[in-house]
Amino acid sequence: MKKKPLTNQAGEVRELTRAAIKKMRHAHEVLPEHLLTILPRKVGQRGPQKSPVKILTTIRYSPEVLEYFKETGSGWQKRIDEALKE
């Protein structure tokens, strides 16, 4: 029996039959390992853990300093970091 193509000439996918769905296999069963590592992850799935590039610490600032930087909008902590590097 000749297989029906998955798409027609217009590119529309045909309706899958139960038999066709039963024959399907998971991507990790059929794709090479190196390809699986570069494919996008599922929503909410974490990537490989990266080592931190900054050190977590606690520091106290005067209210005026915090107010000044927070008023500049999101990214205010990064701007404090850049100001201290100067």
PDB file of N, CA and C in Angstrom:
ATOM      1  N   MET A   1       0.839  -1.174   0.000  1.00  0.00           N
ATOM      2  CA  MET A   1       0.000   0.000   0.000  1.00  0.00           C
ATOM      3  C   MET A   1       0.887   1.240   0.000  1.00  0.00           C
ATOM      4  N   LYS A   2       0.587   2.195  -0.863  1.00  0.00           N
ATOM      5  CA  LYS A   2       1.358   3.421  -0.986  1.00  0.00           C
ATOM      6  C   LYS A   2       0.994   4.378   0.149  1.00  0.00           C
ATOM      7  N   LYS A   3       2.025   4.993   0.765  1.00  0.00           N
ATOM      8  CA  LYS A   3       1.776   5.947   1.841  1.00  0.00           C
ATOM      9  C   LYS A   3       1.266   7.260   1.275  1.00  0.00           C
ATOM     10  N   LYS A   4       0.319   7.870   1.991  1.00  0.00           N
ATOM     11  CA  LYS A   4      -0.139   9.197   1.616  1.00  0.00           C
ATOM     12  C   LYS A   4       0.893  10.205   2.118  1.00  0.00           C
ATOM     13  N   PRO A   5       1.176  11.245   1.336  1.00  0.00           N
ATOM     14  CA  PRO A   5       2.096  12.261   1.835  1.00  0.00           C
ATOM     15  C   PRO A   5       1.476  13.001   3.021  1.00  0.00           C
ATOM     16  N   LEU A   6       2.322  13.506   3.916  1.00  0.00           N
ATOM     17  CA  LEU A   6       1.841  14.210   5.103  1.00  0.00           C
ATOM     18  C   LEU A   6       1.205  15.546   4.737  1.00  0.00           C
ATOM     19  N   THR A   7       1.715  16.191   3.668  1.00  0.00           N
ATOM     20  CA  THR A   7       1.165  17.483   3.250  1.00  0.00           C
ATOM     21  C   THR A   7       0.707  17.414   1.800  1.00  0.00           C
ATOM     22  N   ASN A   8      -0.212  18.302   1.447  1.00  0.00           N
ATOM     23  CA  ASN A   8      -0.638  18.388   0.050  1.00  0.00           C
ATOM     24  C   ASN A   8       0.201  19.452  -0.661  1.00  0.00           C
ATOM     25  N   GLN A   9      -0.116  19.742  -1.920  1.00  0.00           N
ATOM     26  CA  GLN A   9       0.680  20.694  -2.692  1.00  0.00           C
ATOM     27  C   GLN A   9       0.606  22.107  -2.120  1.00  0.00           C
ATOM     28  N   ALA A  10      -0.471  22.439  -1.435  1.00  0.00           N
ATOM     29  CA  ALA A  10      -0.621  23.765  -0.821  1.00  0.00           C
ATOM     30  C   ALA A  10       0.131  23.864   0.499  1.00  0.00           C
ATOM     31  N   GLY A  11       0.693  22.736   0.973  1.00  0.00           N
ATOM     32  CA  GLY A  11       1.434  22.728   2.230  1.00  0.00           C
ATOM     33  C   GLY A  11       0.582  22.447   3.449  1.00  0.00           C
ATOM     34  N   GLU A  12      -0.687  22.127   3.240  1.00  0.00           N
ATOM     35  CA  GLU A  12      -1.567  21.824   4.358  1.00  0.00           C
ATOM     36  C   GLU A  12      -1.350  20.386   4.809  1.00  0.00           C
ATOM     37  N   VAL A  13      -1.290  20.206   6.113  1.00  0.00           N
ATOM     38  CA  VAL A  13      -1.075  18.873   6.681  1.00  0.00           C
ATOM     39  C   VAL A  13      -2.398  18.124   6.687  1.00  0.00           C
ATOM     40  N   ARG A  14      -2.352  16.878   6.237  1.00  0.00           N
ATOM     41  CA  ARG A  14      -3.567  16.064   6.219  1.00  0.00           C
ATOM     42  C   ARG A  14      -3.894  15.606   7.636  1.00  0.00           C
ATOM     43  N   GLU A  15      -5.119  15.186   7.837  1.00  0.00           N
ATOM     44  CA  GLU A  15      -5.533  14.676   9.139  1.00  0.00           C
ATOM     45  C   GLU A  15      -4.862  13.325   9.367  1.00  0.00           C
ATOM     46  N   LEU A  16      -4.284  13.159  10.549  1.00  0.00           N
ATOM     47  CA  LEU A  16      -3.590  11.910  10.855  1.00  0.00           C
ATOM     48  C   LEU A  16      -4.584  10.850  11.309  1.00  0.00           C
ATOM     49  N   THR A  17      -4.327   9.628  10.913  1.00  0.00           N
ATOM     50  CA  THR A  17      -5.164   8.509  11.336  1.00  0.00           C
ATOM     51  C   THR A  17      -4.633   7.966  12.656  1.00  0.00           C
ATOM     52  N   ARG A  18      -5.453   7.187  13.345  1.00  0.00           N
ATOM     53  CA  ARG A  18      -5.005   6.566  14.600  1.00  0.00           C
ATOM     54  C   ARG A  18      -3.803   5.655  14.351  1.00  0.00           C
ATOM     55  N   ALA A  19      -3.826   4.958  13.230  1.00  0.00           N
ATOM     56  CA  ALA A  19      -2.719   4.053  12.902  1.00  0.00           C
ATOM     57  C   ALA A  19      -1.421   4.838  12.708  1.00  0.00           C
ATOM     58  N   ALA A  20      -1.504   5.986  12.049  1.00  0.00           N
ATOM     59  CA  ALA A  20      -0.311   6.808  11.827  1.00  0.00           C
ATOM     60  C   ALA A  20       0.222   7.352  13.147  1.00  0.00           C
ATOM     61  N   ILE A  21      -0.681   7.743  14.031  1.00  0.00           N
ATOM     62  CA  ILE A  21      -0.269   8.271  15.335  1.00  0.00           C
ATOM     63  C   ILE A  21       0.396   7.178  16.163  1.00  0.00           C
ATOM     64  N   LYS A  22      -0.122   5.946  16.099  1.00  0.00           N
ATOM     65  CA  LYS A  22       0.474   4.838  16.856  1.00  0.00           C
ATOM     66  C   LYS A  22       1.889   4.522  16.388  1.00  0.00           C
ATOM     67  N   LYS A  23       2.178   4.776  15.111  1.00  0.00           N
ATOM     68  CA  LYS A  23       3.506   4.493  14.566  1.00  0.00           C
ATOM     69  C   LYS A  23       4.543   5.556  14.940  1.00  0.00           C
ATOM     70  N   MET A  24       4.076   6.712  15.414  1.00  0.00           N
ATOM     71  CA  MET A  24       5.002   7.799  15.741  1.00  0.00           C
ATOM     72  C   MET A  24       5.889   7.425  16.918  1.00  0.00           C
ATOM     73  N   ARG A  25       7.114   7.945  16.895  1.00  0.00           N
ATOM     74  CA  ARG A  25       8.071   7.707  17.984  1.00  0.00           C
ATOM     75  C   ARG A  25       8.575   9.047  18.489  1.00  0.00           C
ATOM     76  N   HIS A  26       9.076   9.053  19.722  1.00  0.00           N
ATOM     77  CA  HIS A  26       9.624  10.273  20.313  1.00  0.00           C
ATOM     78  C   HIS A  26      10.886  10.695  19.573  1.00  0.00           C
ATOM     79  N   ALA A  27      11.125  11.998  19.551  1.00  0.00           N
ATOM     80  CA  ALA A  27      12.294  12.535  18.845  1.00  0.00           C
ATOM     81  C   ALA A  27      13.589  11.946  19.392  1.00  0.00           C
ATOM     82  N   HIS A  28      13.679  11.743  20.713  1.00  0.00           N
ATOM     83  CA  HIS A  28      14.924  11.220  21.291  1.00  0.00           C
ATOM     84  C   HIS A  28      15.208   9.781  20.856  1.00  0.00           C
ATOM     85  N   GLU A  29      14.206   9.103  20.299  1.00  0.00           N
ATOM     86  CA  GLU A  29      14.408   7.741  19.807  1.00  0.00           C
ATOM     87  C   GLU A  29      14.936   7.714  18.375  1.00  0.00           C
ATOM     88  N   VAL A  30      14.689   8.765  17.610  1.00  0.00           N
ATOM     89  CA  VAL A  30      15.029   8.719  16.184  1.00  0.00           C
ATOM     90  C   VAL A  30      16.084   9.735  15.756  1.00  0.00           C
ATOM     91  N   LEU A  31      16.288  10.799  16.532  1.00  0.00           N
ATOM     92  CA  LEU A  31      17.259  11.826  16.134  1.00  0.00           C
ATOM     93  C   LEU A  31      18.625  11.557  16.744  1.00  0.00           C
ATOM     94  N   PRO A  32      19.699  11.944  16.063  1.00  0.00           N
ATOM     95  CA  PRO A  32      21.036  11.776  16.631  1.00  0.00           C
ATOM     96  C   PRO A  32      21.219  12.654  17.875  1.00  0.00           C
ATOM     97  N   GLU A  33      22.059  12.194  18.794  1.00  0.00           N
ATOM     98  CA  GLU A  33      22.267  12.884  20.070  1.00  0.00           C
ATOM     99  C   GLU A  33      22.708  14.333  19.882  1.00  0.00           C
ATOM    100  N   HIS A  34      23.629  14.573  18.936  1.00  0.00           N
ATOM    101  CA  HIS A  34      24.129  15.944  18.756  1.00  0.00           C
ATOM    102  C   HIS A  34      23.026  16.896  18.290  1.00  0.00           C
ATOM    103  N   LEU A  35      22.043  16.402  17.580  1.00  0.00           N
ATOM    104  CA  LEU A  35      20.939  17.244  17.134  1.00  0.00           C
ATOM    105  C   LEU A  35      19.995  17.561  18.292  1.00  0.00           C
ATOM    106  N   LEU A  36      19.802  16.615  19.180  1.00  0.00           N
ATOM    107  CA  LEU A  36      18.917  16.840  20.326  1.00  0.00           C
ATOM    108  C   LEU A  36      19.451  17.933  21.241  1.00  0.00           C
ATOM    109  N   THR A  37      20.777  18.084  21.299  1.00  0.00           N
ATOM    110  CA  THR A  37      21.353  19.092  22.192  1.00  0.00           C
ATOM    111  C   THR A  37      21.145  20.509  21.682  1.00  0.00           C
ATOM    112  N   ILE A  38      20.931  20.690  20.371  1.00  0.00           N
ATOM    113  CA  ILE A  38      20.768  22.043  19.844  1.00  0.00           C
ATOM    114  C   ILE A  38      19.311  22.416  19.582  1.00  0.00           C
ATOM    115  N   LEU A  39      18.407  21.472  19.698  1.00  0.00           N
ATOM    116  CA  LEU A  39      16.991  21.768  19.489  1.00  0.00           C
ATOM    117  C   LEU A  39      16.454  22.597  20.654  1.00  0.00           C
ATOM    118  N   PRO A  40      15.451  23.434  20.397  1.00  0.00           N
ATOM    119  CA  PRO A  40      14.877  24.232  21.484  1.00  0.00           C
ATOM    120  C   PRO A  40      14.275  23.338  22.564  1.00  0.00           C
ATOM    121  N   ARG A  41      14.317  23.839  23.784  1.00  0.00           N
ATOM    122  CA  ARG A  41      13.767  23.092  24.915  1.00  0.00           C
ATOM    123  C   ARG A  41      12.266  23.363  25.041  1.00  0.00           C
ATOM    124  N   LYS A  42      11.617  22.543  25.832  1.00  0.00           N
ATOM    125  CA  LYS A  42      10.199  22.736  26.099  1.00  0.00           C
ATOM    126  C   LYS A  42      10.024  23.988  26.953  1.00  0.00           C
ATOM    127  N   VAL A  43       8.844  24.566  26.938  1.00  0.00           N
ATOM    128  CA  VAL A  43       8.552  25.742  27.743  1.00  0.00           C
ATOM    129  C   VAL A  43       8.759  25.388  29.209  1.00  0.00           C
ATOM    130  N   GLY A  44       9.530  26.197  29.904  1.00  0.00           N
ATOM    131  CA  GLY A  44       9.796  25.977  31.316  1.00  0.00           C
ATOM    132  C   GLY A  44      10.937  25.028  31.605  1.00  0.00           C
ATOM    133  N   GLN A  45      11.492  24.397  30.587  1.00  0.00           N
ATOM    134  CA  GLN A  45      12.593  23.462  30.798  1.00  0.00           C
ATOM    135  C   GLN A  45      13.901  24.242  30.863  1.00  0.00           C
ATOM    136  N   ARG A  46      14.691  24.010  31.901  1.00  0.00           N
ATOM    137  CA  ARG A  46      15.941  24.733  32.094  1.00  0.00           C
ATOM    138  C   ARG A  46      17.028  24.208  31.185  1.00  0.00           C
ATOM    139  N   GLY A  47      17.913  25.096  30.837  1.00  0.00           N
ATOM    140  CA  GLY A  47      19.089  24.728  30.072  1.00  0.00           C
ATOM    141  C   GLY A  47      20.200  24.296  31.011  1.00  0.00           C
ATOM    142  N   PRO A  48      21.396  24.082  30.474  1.00  0.00           N
ATOM    143  CA  PRO A  48      22.505  23.692  31.333  1.00  0.00           C
ATOM    144  C   PRO A  48      22.842  24.805  32.323  1.00  0.00           C
ATOM    145  N   GLN A  49      23.205  24.418  33.533  1.00  0.00           N
ATOM    146  CA  GLN A  49      23.513  25.388  34.582  1.00  0.00           C
ATOM    147  C   GLN A  49      24.789  26.134  34.241  1.00  0.00           C
ATOM    148  N   LYS A  50      24.740  27.446  34.345  1.00  0.00           N
ATOM    149  CA  LYS A  50      25.914  28.272  34.092  1.00  0.00           C
ATOM    150  C   LYS A  50      26.509  28.686  35.429  1.00  0.00           C
ATOM    151  N   SER A  51      27.825  28.797  35.475  1.00  0.00           N
ATOM    152  CA  SER A  51      28.447  29.242  36.715  1.00  0.00           C
ATOM    153  C   SER A  51      28.216  30.743  36.859  1.00  0.00           C
ATOM    154  N   PRO A  52      27.944  31.221  38.080  1.00  0.00           N
ATOM    155  CA  PRO A  52      27.658  32.638  38.277  1.00  0.00           C
ATOM    156  C   PRO A  52      28.869  33.505  37.935  1.00  0.00           C
ATOM    157  N   VAL A  53      28.601  34.666  37.355  1.00  0.00           N
ATOM    158  CA  VAL A  53      29.688  35.576  37.007  1.00  0.00           C
ATOM    159  C   VAL A  53      29.784  36.723  38.006  1.00  0.00           C
ATOM    160  N   LYS A  54      28.821  36.791  38.914  1.00  0.00           N
ATOM    161  CA  LYS A  54      28.835  37.825  39.946  1.00  0.00           C
ATOM    162  C   LYS A  54      28.766  37.154  41.312  1.00  0.00           C
ATOM    163  N   ILE A  55      29.145  37.899  42.332  1.00  0.00           N
ATOM    164  CA  ILE A  55      29.165  37.381  43.698  1.00  0.00           C
ATOM    165  C   ILE A  55      27.972  37.949  44.456  1.00  0.00           C
ATOM    166  N   LEU A  56      27.221  37.079  45.110  1.00  0.00           N
ATOM    167  CA  LEU A  56      26.077  37.497  45.900  1.00  0.00           C
ATOM    168  C   LEU A  56      26.570  38.040  47.231  1.00  0.00           C
ATOM    169  N   THR A  57      26.132  39.245  47.578  1.00  0.00           N
ATOM    170  CA  THR A  57      26.514  39.862  48.844  1.00  0.00           C
ATOM    171  C   THR A  57      25.412  40.817  49.274  1.00  0.00           C
ATOM    172  N   THR A  58      25.523  41.330  50.481  1.00  0.00           N
ATOM    173  CA  THR A  58      24.568  42.316  50.980  1.00  0.00           C
ATOM    174  C   THR A  58      25.321  43.603  51.244  1.00  0.00           C
ATOM    175  N   ILE A  59      24.763  44.712  50.798  1.00  0.00           N
ATOM    176  CA  ILE A  59      25.395  46.015  51.010  1.00  0.00           C
ATOM    177  C   ILE A  59      24.295  47.021  51.320  1.00  0.00           C
ATOM    178  N   ARG A  60      24.600  47.971  52.190  1.00  0.00           N
ATOM    179  CA  ARG A  60      23.600  48.972  52.576  1.00  0.00           C
ATOM    180  C   ARG A  60      23.909  50.294  51.885  1.00  0.00           C
ATOM    181  N   TYR A  61      22.863  50.887  51.298  1.00  0.00           N
ATOM    182  CA  TYR A  61      22.978  52.189  50.650  1.00  0.00           C
ATOM    183  C   TYR A  61      22.067  53.169  51.371  1.00  0.00           C
ATOM    184  N   SER A  62      22.368  54.439  51.250  1.00  0.00           N
ATOM    185  CA  SER A  62      21.477  55.450  51.821  1.00  0.00           C
ATOM    186  C   SER A  62      20.188  55.474  51.000  1.00  0.00           C
ATOM    187  N   PRO A  63      19.082  55.860  51.619  1.00  0.00           N
ATOM    188  CA  PRO A  63      17.807  55.898  50.894  1.00  0.00           C
ATOM    189  C   PRO A  63      17.858  56.789  49.652  1.00  0.00           C
ATOM    190  N   GLU A  64      18.634  57.875  49.721  1.00  0.00           N
ATOM    191  CA  GLU A  64      18.720  58.790  48.579  1.00  0.00           C
ATOM    192  C   GLU A  64      19.360  58.115  47.370  1.00  0.00           C
ATOM    193  N   VAL A  65      20.394  57.299  47.616  1.00  0.00           N
ATOM    194  CA  VAL A  65      21.083  56.606  46.522  1.00  0.00           C
ATOM    195  C   VAL A  65      20.131  55.610  45.865  1.00  0.00           C
ATOM    196  N   LEU A  66      19.450  54.817  46.677  1.00  0.00           N
ATOM    197  CA  LEU A  66      18.512  53.834  46.122  1.00  0.00           C
ATOM    198  C   LEU A  66      17.370  54.513  45.375  1.00  0.00           C
ATOM    199  N   GLU A  67      16.844  55.589  45.935  1.00  0.00           N
ATOM    200  CA  GLU A  67      15.752  56.297  45.278  1.00  0.00           C
ATOM    201  C   GLU A  67      16.196  56.836  43.919  1.00  0.00           C
ATOM    202  N   TYR A  68      17.410  57.391  43.870  1.00  0.00           N
ATOM    203  CA  TYR A  68      17.931  57.939  42.615  1.00  0.00           C
ATOM    204  C   TYR A  68      18.000  56.856  41.535  1.00  0.00           C
ATOM    205  N   PHE A  69      18.584  55.709  41.877  1.00  0.00           N
ATOM    206  CA  PHE A  69      18.755  54.661  40.867  1.00  0.00           C
ATOM    207  C   PHE A  69      17.436  53.972  40.521  1.00  0.00           C
ATOM    208  N   LYS A  70      16.563  53.767  41.496  1.00  0.00           N
ATOM    209  CA  LYS A  70      15.279  53.115  41.221  1.00  0.00           C
ATOM    210  C   LYS A  70      14.386  53.977  40.333  1.00  0.00           C
ATOM    211  N   GLU A  71      14.512  55.301  40.461  1.00  0.00           N
ATOM    212  CA  GLU A  71      13.713  56.200  39.625  1.00  0.00           C
ATOM    213  C   GLU A  71      14.114  56.117  38.156  1.00  0.00           C
ATOM    214  N   THR A  72      15.286  55.584  37.866  1.00  0.00           N
ATOM    215  CA  THR A  72      15.740  55.470  36.475  1.00  0.00           C
ATOM    216  C   THR A  72      15.098  54.275  35.771  1.00  0.00           C
ATOM    217  N   GLY A  73      14.334  53.473  36.498  1.00  0.00           N
ATOM    218  CA  GLY A  73      13.603  52.364  35.883  1.00  0.00           C
ATOM    219  C   GLY A  73      14.297  51.028  36.046  1.00  0.00           C
ATOM    220  N   SER A  74      13.800  50.036  35.285  1.00  0.00           N
ATOM    221  CA  SER A  74      14.360  48.690  35.404  1.00  0.00           C
ATOM    222  C   SER A  74      15.824  48.689  34.990  1.00  0.00           C
ATOM    223  N   GLY A  75      16.589  47.819  35.612  1.00  0.00           N
ATOM    224  CA  GLY A  75      18.028  47.760  35.363  1.00  0.00           C
ATOM    225  C   GLY A  75      18.814  48.642  36.315  1.00  0.00           C
ATOM    226  N   TRP A  76      18.144  49.140  37.371  1.00  0.00           N
ATOM    227  CA  TRP A  76      18.815  50.062  38.286  1.00  0.00           C
ATOM    228  C   TRP A  76      19.975  49.403  39.018  1.00  0.00           C
ATOM    229  N   GLN A  77      19.888  48.115  39.309  1.00  0.00           N
ATOM    230  CA  GLN A  77      20.987  47.432  39.998  1.00  0.00           C
ATOM    231  C   GLN A  77      22.214  47.349  39.102  1.00  0.00           C
ATOM    232  N   LYS A  78      21.993  47.126  37.819  1.00  0.00           N
ATOM    233  CA  LYS A  78      23.105  47.084  36.870  1.00  0.00           C
ATOM    234  C   LYS A  78      23.772  48.453  36.782  1.00  0.00           C
ATOM    235  N   ARG A  79      22.955  49.522  36.820  1.00  0.00           N
ATOM    236  CA  ARG A  79      23.527  50.866  36.755  1.00  0.00           C
ATOM    237  C   ARG A  79      24.339  51.190  38.004  1.00  0.00           C
ATOM    238  N   ILE A  80      23.919  50.704  39.162  1.00  0.00           N
ATOM    239  CA  ILE A  80      24.728  50.885  40.376  1.00  0.00           C
ATOM    240  C   ILE A  80      26.059  50.167  40.203  1.00  0.00           C
ATOM    241  N   ASP A  81      26.020  48.952  39.679  1.00  0.00           N
ATOM    242  CA  ASP A  81      27.239  48.172  39.441  1.00  0.00           C
ATOM    243  C   ASP A  81      28.188  48.930  38.516  1.00  0.00           C
ATOM    244  N   GLU A  82      27.650  49.496  37.436  1.00  0.00           N
ATOM    245  CA  GLU A  82      28.482  50.237  36.481  1.00  0.00           C
ATOM    246  C   GLU A  82      29.055  51.502  37.109  1.00  0.00           C
ATOM    247  N   ALA A  83      28.250  52.193  37.943  1.00  0.00           N
ATOM    248  CA  ALA A  83      28.733  53.416  38.596  1.00  0.00           C
ATOM    249  C   ALA A  83      29.866  53.105  39.564  1.00  0.00           C
ATOM    250  N   LEU A  84      29.769  51.989  40.262  1.00  0.00           N
ATOM    251  CA  LEU A  84      30.820  51.627  41.220  1.00  0.00           C
ATOM    252  C   LEU A  84      32.105  51.188  40.525  1.00  0.00           C
ATOM    253  N   LYS A  85      31.997  50.690  39.302  1.00  0.00           N
ATOM    254  CA  LYS A  85      33.191  50.280  38.559  1.00  0.00           C
ATOM    255  C   LYS A  85      34.005  51.475  38.088  1.00  0.00           C
ATOM    256  N   GLU A  86      33.354  52.647  37.943  1.00  0.00           N
ATOM    257  CA  GLU A  86      34.059  53.836  37.443  1.00  0.00           C
ATOM    258  C   GLU A  86      35.028  54.394  38.459  1.00  0.00           C
TER     259      GLU A  86
END
